[in-house]
Amino acid sequence: MEVWATVGATALFILNLSASIAAVRSVSLTRAQKWIHVVLVWLTPVVGAILILGFLITDRPPPWRSNEEEPQAVGDVTVLDLGPSPCGCSETGSDSD
């Protein structure tokens, strides 16, 4: 019985400690909010830690996107293949056809 109590207390301590560290290292929280989160974690051990970790996970910035998915800026120009025009008109754009 004592072994399970020790294992449970250790698991709870690790959960609270990881939630506290995550709250303190968060860049989106103010200093006061960080301390409120830490106090909430330790005053309501299981529920507080799970709620704070859940909040901090959803508050993460999105992961980096690859260059292919990156939206183009307004001034960017896409260069297309310069082959024969499908309409039969000249490539220079003059009306000499």
C-alpha atoms as a PDB file:
ATOM      1  CA  MET A   1       0.000   0.000   0.000  1.00  0.00           C
ATOM      2  CA  GLU A   2       2.820   2.403   0.835  1.00  0.00           C
ATOM      3  CA  VAL A   3       4.484   1.737  -2.508  1.00  0.00           C
ATOM      4  CA  TRP A   4       1.388   2.814  -4.457  1.00  0.00           C
ATOM      5  CA  ALA A   5       1.047   5.947  -2.338  1.00  0.00           C
ATOM      6  CA  THR A   6       4.678   6.823  -3.017  1.00  0.00           C
ATOM      7  CA  VAL A   7       4.302   6.177  -6.749  1.00  0.00           C
ATOM      8  CA  GLY A   8       1.109   8.269  -6.859  1.00  0.00           C
ATOM      9  CA  ALA A   9       2.654  11.142  -4.927  1.00  0.00           C
ATOM     10  CA  THR A  10       5.726  11.075  -7.161  1.00  0.00           C
ATOM     11  CA  ALA A  11       3.588  11.085 -10.323  1.00  0.00           C
ATOM     12  CA  LEU A  12       1.522  13.977  -8.969  1.00  0.00           C
ATOM     13  CA  PHE A  13       4.679  15.918  -8.089  1.00  0.00           C
ATOM     14  CA  ILE A  14       6.109  15.376 -11.591  1.00  0.00           C
ATOM     15  CA  LEU A  15       2.804  16.443 -13.196  1.00  0.00           C
ATOM     16  CA  ASN A  16       2.639  19.607 -11.071  1.00  0.00           C
ATOM     17  CA  LEU A  17       6.298  20.397 -11.627  1.00  0.00           C
ATOM     18  CA  SER A  18       6.005  20.026 -15.416  1.00  0.00           C
ATOM     19  CA  ALA A  19       2.874  22.209 -15.470  1.00  0.00           C
ATOM     20  CA  SER A  20       4.618  24.847 -13.347  1.00  0.00           C
ATOM     21  CA  ILE A  21       7.697  24.881 -15.578  1.00  0.00           C
ATOM     22  CA  ALA A  22       5.531  25.103 -18.706  1.00  0.00           C
ATOM     23  CA  ALA A  23       3.588  28.031 -17.222  1.00  0.00           C
ATOM     24  CA  VAL A  24       6.732  29.923 -16.205  1.00  0.00           C
ATOM     25  CA  ARG A  25       8.389  29.375 -19.611  1.00  0.00           C
ATOM     26  CA  SER A  26       5.293  30.460 -21.581  1.00  0.00           C
ATOM     27  CA  VAL A  27       5.918  33.552 -23.706  1.00  0.00           C
ATOM     28  CA  SER A  28       2.261  34.480 -24.121  1.00  0.00           C
ATOM     29  CA  LEU A  29       1.551  35.014 -20.417  1.00  0.00           C
ATOM     30  CA  THR A  30       2.369  38.084 -18.347  1.00  0.00           C
ATOM     31  CA  ARG A  31       4.412  37.719 -15.159  1.00  0.00           C
ATOM     32  CA  ALA A  32       1.286  37.935 -12.987  1.00  0.00           C
ATOM     33  CA  GLN A  33      -0.532  35.336 -15.099  1.00  0.00           C
ATOM     34  CA  LYS A  34       2.416  32.958 -14.806  1.00  0.00           C
ATOM     35  CA  TRP A  35       2.340  33.125 -11.019  1.00  0.00           C
ATOM     36  CA  ILE A  36      -1.435  32.708 -10.917  1.00  0.00           C
ATOM     37  CA  HIS A  37      -1.087  29.584 -13.055  1.00  0.00           C
ATOM     38  CA  VAL A  38       1.623  28.168 -10.786  1.00  0.00           C
ATOM     39  CA  VAL A  39      -0.453  28.827  -7.658  1.00  0.00           C
ATOM     40  CA  LEU A  40      -3.502  27.225  -9.289  1.00  0.00           C
ATOM     41  CA  VAL A  41      -1.474  24.128 -10.174  1.00  0.00           C
ATOM     42  CA  TRP A  42      -0.247  23.611  -6.613  1.00  0.00           C
ATOM     43  CA  LEU A  43      -3.544  24.490  -4.857  1.00  0.00           C
ATOM     44  CA  THR A  44      -5.606  22.126  -7.025  1.00  0.00           C
ATOM     45  CA  PRO A  45      -2.994  19.491  -7.858  1.00  0.00           C
ATOM     46  CA  VAL A  46      -4.531  17.127 -10.410  1.00  0.00           C
ATOM     47  CA  VAL A  47      -7.221  19.295 -11.999  1.00  0.00           C
ATOM     48  CA  GLY A  48      -5.097  22.448 -11.979  1.00  0.00           C
ATOM     49  CA  ALA A  49      -2.129  20.774 -13.631  1.00  0.00           C
ATOM     50  CA  ILE A  50      -4.247  19.152 -16.336  1.00  0.00           C
ATOM     51  CA  LEU A  51      -6.118  22.394 -17.071  1.00  0.00           C
ATOM     52  CA  ILE A  52      -2.963  24.517 -17.230  1.00  0.00           C
ATOM     53  CA  LEU A  53      -1.110  22.020 -19.432  1.00  0.00           C
ATOM     54  CA  GLY A  54      -4.137  21.800 -21.718  1.00  0.00           C
ATOM     55  CA  PHE A  55      -4.346  25.574 -21.939  1.00  0.00           C
ATOM     56  CA  LEU A  56      -0.638  25.957 -22.663  1.00  0.00           C
ATOM     57  CA  ILE A  57      -0.704  23.282 -25.377  1.00  0.00           C
ATOM     58  CA  THR A  58      -3.545  25.029 -27.219  1.00  0.00           C
ATOM     59  CA  ASP A  59      -1.820  28.397 -26.763  1.00  0.00           C
ATOM     60  CA  ARG A  60       1.321  27.335 -28.678  1.00  0.00           C
ATOM     61  CA  PRO A  61       2.189  29.127 -31.897  1.00  0.00           C
ATOM     62  CA  PRO A  62       1.618  27.073 -35.047  1.00  0.00           C
ATOM     63  CA  PRO A  63       4.590  25.018 -36.260  1.00  0.00           C
ATOM     64  CA  TRP A  64       6.764  26.345 -39.066  1.00  0.00           C
ATOM     65  CA  ARG A  65       5.342  25.821 -42.512  1.00  0.00           C
ATOM     66  CA  SER A  66       7.360  24.787 -45.519  1.00  0.00           C
ATOM     67  CA  ASN A  67       8.121  27.330 -48.252  1.00  0.00           C
ATOM     68  CA  GLU A  68       5.611  25.678 -50.575  1.00  0.00           C
ATOM     69  CA  GLU A  69       2.710  26.502 -48.261  1.00  0.00           C
ATOM     70  CA  GLU A  70       3.854  30.037 -47.537  1.00  0.00           C
ATOM     71  CA  PRO A  71       1.482  32.664 -48.940  1.00  0.00           C
ATOM     72  CA  GLN A  72       2.985  35.041 -51.459  1.00  0.00           C
ATOM     73  CA  ALA A  73       3.322  38.722 -50.731  1.00  0.00           C
ATOM     74  CA  VAL A  74       1.351  41.229 -52.783  1.00  0.00           C
ATOM     75  CA  GLY A  75       4.345  42.261 -54.897  1.00  0.00           C
ATOM     76  CA  ASP A  76       5.553  38.711 -55.649  1.00  0.00           C
ATOM     77  CA  VAL A  77       5.363  37.633 -59.273  1.00  0.00           C
ATOM     78  CA  THR A  78       5.141  34.051 -60.434  1.00  0.00           C
ATOM     79  CA  VAL A  79       7.215  33.371 -63.554  1.00  0.00           C
ATOM     80  CA  LEU A  80       5.535  30.984 -65.962  1.00  0.00           C
ATOM     81  CA  ASP A  81       7.145  28.915 -68.683  1.00  0.00           C
ATOM     82  CA  LEU A  82       7.670  31.036 -71.801  1.00  0.00           C
ATOM     83  CA  GLY A  83       6.472  28.639 -74.477  1.00  0.00           C
ATOM     84  CA  PRO A  84       4.250  29.279 -77.474  1.00  0.00           C
ATOM     85  CA  SER A  85       1.062  31.082 -76.611  1.00  0.00           C
ATOM     86  CA  PRO A  86      -2.006  28.797 -76.545  1.00  0.00           C
ATOM     87  CA  CYS A  87      -4.117  31.471 -78.237  1.00  0.00           C
ATOM     88  CA  GLY A  88      -1.758  31.803 -81.215  1.00  0.00           C
ATOM     89  CA  CYS A  89      -0.914  35.434 -80.573  1.00  0.00           C
ATOM     90  CA  SER A  90       2.667  36.648 -80.433  1.00  0.00           C
ATOM     91  CA  GLU A  91       4.738  36.515 -77.244  1.00  0.00           C
ATOM     92  CA  THR A  92       5.539  40.226 -77.359  1.00  0.00           C
ATOM     93  CA  GLY A  93       1.962  41.284 -76.922  1.00  0.00           C
ATOM     94  CA  SER A  94       1.844  43.445 -80.035  1.00  0.00           C
ATOM     95  CA  ASP A  95      -1.172  43.324 -82.320  1.00  0.00           C
ATOM     96  CA  SER A  96       0.824  42.486 -85.472  1.00  0.00           C
ATOM     97  CA  ASP A  97      -0.757  39.004 -85.859  1.00  0.00           C
END
